């Protein structure tokens, strides 16, 4: 068997397992899902599962989390920041890319936000979001003097708000477009951000 065929087979197996986990989380919640449930739904053998993942949490973190918070999301957010710079809107934070990515991967994100206990997947998302927002705030605030509110505290505040906002958006079947969510966020957040960073309008 060629490496290409092997790679495609591996990718197909992992996709089947990821899809099975997401479906089961949406149906019964993460805590009730067992490895046996996953392999039954994916129609793969137990040895095949363990050839790819250590347990269901490993599948959640290394498999499903890569869809939710992997390279595609990083690229979407980076493109959004670049777009703002090109149109001269550098005085705002960019979250359009995040909401667009959530919309494109709705089932995965609904499963992630539905997981209740020991929510390691949302912790991973919060870490990614915190790092991104902190980088954007540092880009906005280029004064030599420290701001009235430390950047790290402001970032933590915004991260919690955005995670909650994303959950509300998903729970209510995304009643606004990613563009509208971005615009609403700018209206709510930017006046306060400018005030605490003492930025001119």
Protein backbone atom coordinates (compact mmCIF):
# COMPACT_ATOMS: atom_id res chain seq x y z
CA UNK A 1 0.00 0.00 0.00
CA UNK A 2 1.40 3.40 -0.98
CA UNK A 3 1.97 6.12 1.61
CA UNK A 4 -0.67 8.26 -0.10
CA UNK A 5 -3.31 5.55 0.25
CA UNK A 6 -2.24 4.92 3.83
CA UNK A 7 -2.45 8.62 4.66
CA UNK A 8 -5.91 8.88 3.15
CA UNK A 9 -7.04 5.82 5.07
CA UNK A 10 -5.67 7.25 8.34
CA UNK A 11 -7.36 10.61 7.68
CA UNK A 12 -10.66 8.88 6.84
CA UNK A 13 -10.54 6.81 10.04
CA UNK A 14 -9.79 9.85 12.17
CA UNK A 15 -12.58 11.79 10.49
CA UNK A 16 -15.03 8.97 11.21
CA UNK A 17 -14.01 8.96 14.88
CA UNK A 18 -14.21 12.75 15.16
CA UNK A 19 -17.64 12.85 13.52
CA UNK A 20 -18.85 10.06 15.80
CA UNK A 21 -17.70 11.88 18.93
CA UNK A 22 -19.29 15.19 17.87
CA UNK A 23 -22.62 13.49 17.09
CA UNK A 24 -22.64 11.63 20.39
CA UNK A 25 -21.79 14.75 22.40
CA UNK A 26 -24.70 16.58 20.78
CA UNK A 27 -27.04 13.67 21.49
CA UNK A 28 -26.13 12.75 25.07
CA UNK A 29 -23.37 15.00 26.39
CA UNK A 30 -19.65 14.33 26.59
CA UNK A 31 -19.60 12.73 30.04
CA UNK A 32 -21.98 9.94 29.02
CA UNK A 33 -20.06 9.01 25.86
CA UNK A 34 -17.84 5.91 26.06
CA UNK A 35 -15.13 4.68 23.73
CA UNK A 36 -17.44 1.78 22.88
CA UNK A 37 -20.14 4.26 21.81
CA UNK A 38 -17.63 6.04 19.58
CA UNK A 39 -16.31 2.93 17.84
CA UNK A 40 -19.84 1.58 17.38
CA UNK A 41 -20.96 4.85 15.77
CA UNK A 42 -17.82 5.12 13.62
CA UNK A 43 -17.96 1.41 12.77
CA UNK A 44 -14.27 0.84 13.51
CA UNK A 45 -12.54 -1.68 15.73
CA UNK A 46 -11.31 -1.01 19.26
CA UNK A 47 -7.71 -1.68 18.21
CA UNK A 48 -8.11 0.84 15.39
CA UNK A 49 -9.32 3.49 17.84
CA UNK A 50 -6.37 2.92 20.17
CA UNK A 51 -3.95 3.00 17.23
CA UNK A 52 -4.94 6.66 16.80
CA UNK A 53 -5.99 7.93 20.25
CA UNK A 54 -5.32 7.03 23.89
CA UNK A 55 -8.89 7.63 25.08
CA UNK A 56 -11.93 9.77 24.33
CA UNK A 57 -10.32 12.88 25.82
CA UNK A 58 -7.32 12.44 23.54
CA UNK A 59 -9.74 12.24 20.60
CA UNK A 60 -11.43 15.39 21.86
CA UNK A 61 -8.19 17.33 22.28
CA UNK A 62 -6.06 16.10 19.38
CA UNK A 63 -8.86 15.45 16.96
CA UNK A 64 -11.93 17.57 17.44
CA UNK A 65 -10.11 20.50 19.06
CA UNK A 66 -7.94 20.89 15.97
CA UNK A 67 -11.09 21.62 13.98
CA UNK A 68 -12.40 24.07 16.55
CA UNK A 69 -9.17 25.84 17.48
CA UNK A 70 -6.58 24.73 14.96
CA UNK A 71 -4.74 26.27 12.04
CA UNK A 72 -7.90 27.21 10.13
CA UNK A 73 -9.06 29.47 12.95
CA UNK A 74 -5.60 31.04 13.28
CA UNK A 75 -5.59 31.75 9.53
CA UNK A 76 -9.12 33.21 9.62
CA UNK A 77 -8.23 35.56 12.47
CA UNK A 78 -4.90 36.55 10.89
CA UNK A 79 -6.63 37.36 7.60
CA UNK A 80 -9.19 39.46 9.47
CA UNK A 81 -6.48 41.49 11.22
CA UNK A 82 -4.73 42.03 7.90
CA UNK A 83 -8.01 43.11 6.28
CA UNK A 84 -8.57 45.72 9.00
CA UNK A 85 -5.08 47.09 8.48
CA UNK A 86 -5.63 47.37 4.72
CA UNK A 87 -8.88 49.32 5.05
CA UNK A 88 -7.43 51.60 7.70
CA UNK A 89 -9.53 50.22 10.57
CA UNK A 90 -6.55 49.55 12.78
CA UNK A 91 -8.21 51.13 15.81
CA UNK A 92 -10.51 48.18 16.41
CA UNK A 93 -10.21 44.58 17.55
CA UNK A 94 -11.01 41.86 15.06
CA UNK A 95 -13.36 39.00 15.92
CA UNK A 96 -15.16 38.51 12.58
CA UNK A 97 -12.82 35.64 11.67
CA UNK A 98 -13.63 33.82 14.89
CA UNK A 99 -17.40 34.04 14.37
CA UNK A 100 -17.09 33.09 10.68
CA UNK A 101 -15.08 30.00 11.66
CA UNK A 102 -17.65 29.04 14.30
CA UNK A 103 -20.42 29.37 11.71
CA UNK A 104 -18.54 27.17 9.23
CA UNK A 105 -17.97 24.51 11.90
CA UNK A 106 -21.25 24.89 13.77
CA UNK A 107 -21.74 21.25 14.86
CA UNK A 108 -18.21 20.97 16.23
CA UNK A 109 -18.51 24.20 18.22
CA UNK A 110 -21.95 23.29 19.55
CA UNK A 111 -20.47 20.04 20.80
CA UNK A 112 -17.56 21.87 22.39
CA UNK A 113 -19.76 24.36 24.20
CA UNK A 114 -22.12 21.59 25.30
CA UNK A 115 -19.43 19.67 27.18
CA UNK A 116 -20.09 20.38 30.84
CA UNK A 117 -17.62 18.99 33.36
CA UNK A 118 -13.86 19.62 33.22
CA UNK A 119 -14.25 21.51 29.99
CA UNK A 120 -10.70 21.20 28.70
CA UNK A 121 -11.76 22.00 25.16
CA UNK A 122 -13.13 25.41 26.09
CA UNK A 123 -10.02 26.04 28.17
CA UNK A 124 -8.00 25.47 25.00
CA UNK A 125 -10.27 27.88 23.13
CA UNK A 126 -9.94 30.50 25.86
CA UNK A 127 -6.14 30.22 25.75
CA UNK A 128 -6.14 30.75 21.98
CA UNK A 129 -8.55 33.68 22.22
CA UNK A 130 -6.60 35.28 25.10
CA UNK A 131 -3.33 35.14 23.14
CA UNK A 132 -4.96 36.60 20.03
CA UNK A 133 -6.72 39.43 21.87
CA UNK A 134 -3.61 40.29 23.86
CA UNK A 135 -1.59 40.58 20.63
CA UNK A 136 -4.25 42.84 19.11
CA UNK A 137 -4.42 45.04 22.23
CA UNK A 138 -0.64 45.42 22.21
CA UNK A 139 -0.90 46.49 18.58
CA UNK A 140 -3.54 49.08 19.51
CA UNK A 141 -1.67 50.42 22.55
CA UNK A 142 1.80 51.55 21.56
CA UNK A 143 2.40 54.11 24.31
CA UNK A 144 5.56 53.79 26.42
CA UNK A 145 3.56 54.38 29.61
CA UNK A 146 1.56 51.52 31.18
CA UNK A 147 -2.22 51.84 30.65
CA UNK A 148 -4.67 52.53 33.49
CA UNK A 149 -5.78 48.91 33.33
CA UNK A 150 -3.05 46.32 32.69
CA UNK A 151 -3.30 44.68 29.27
CA UNK A 152 -3.44 41.20 30.84
CA UNK A 153 -6.50 42.11 32.96
CA UNK A 154 -8.27 43.77 30.03
CA UNK A 155 -7.53 40.72 27.87
CA UNK A 156 -8.93 38.32 30.47
CA UNK A 157 -12.09 40.43 30.75
CA UNK A 158 -12.61 40.47 26.97
CA UNK A 159 -11.85 36.74 26.64
CA UNK A 160 -14.54 35.81 29.17
CA UNK A 161 -17.04 38.11 27.50
CA UNK A 162 -16.36 36.76 24.02
CA UNK A 163 -16.54 33.10 25.11
CA UNK A 164 -19.91 33.84 26.72
CA UNK A 165 -21.06 35.74 23.64
CA UNK A 166 -20.07 32.85 21.35
CA UNK A 167 -21.99 30.40 23.54
CA UNK A 168 -25.09 32.63 23.47
CA UNK A 169 -24.81 32.93 19.68
CA UNK A 170 -24.66 29.16 19.23
CA UNK A 171 -27.37 28.44 21.80
CA UNK A 172 -29.71 30.80 19.94
CA UNK A 173 -28.98 29.29 16.50
CA UNK A 174 -26.81 32.22 15.35
CA UNK A 175 -29.51 34.89 14.85
CA UNK A 176 -26.92 37.40 13.59
CA UNK A 177 -24.26 37.06 10.90
CA UNK A 178 -20.56 36.95 11.84
CA UNK A 179 -20.26 40.48 10.43
CA UNK A 180 -23.13 41.70 12.64
CA UNK A 181 -21.62 40.01 15.69
CA UNK A 182 -18.32 41.72 14.99
CA UNK A 183 -20.02 45.11 14.62
CA UNK A 184 -22.03 44.63 17.84
CA UNK A 185 -18.86 43.69 19.68
CA UNK A 186 -17.09 46.81 18.41
CA UNK A 187 -19.99 48.98 19.62
CA UNK A 188 -20.02 47.39 23.07
CA UNK A 189 -16.31 46.94 23.69
CA UNK A 190 -14.31 49.60 21.89
CA UNK A 191 -15.49 52.70 23.86
CA UNK A 192 -14.41 51.03 27.11
CA UNK A 193 -11.16 49.76 25.62
CA UNK A 194 -10.27 53.21 24.31
CA UNK A 195 -11.07 54.72 27.71
CA UNK A 196 -8.93 52.37 29.78
CA UNK A 197 -6.08 52.49 27.27
CA UNK A 198 -6.50 56.29 27.06
CA UNK A 199 -6.65 56.16 23.26
CA UNK A 200 -7.93 59.03 21.16
CA UNK A 201 -11.10 58.49 19.15
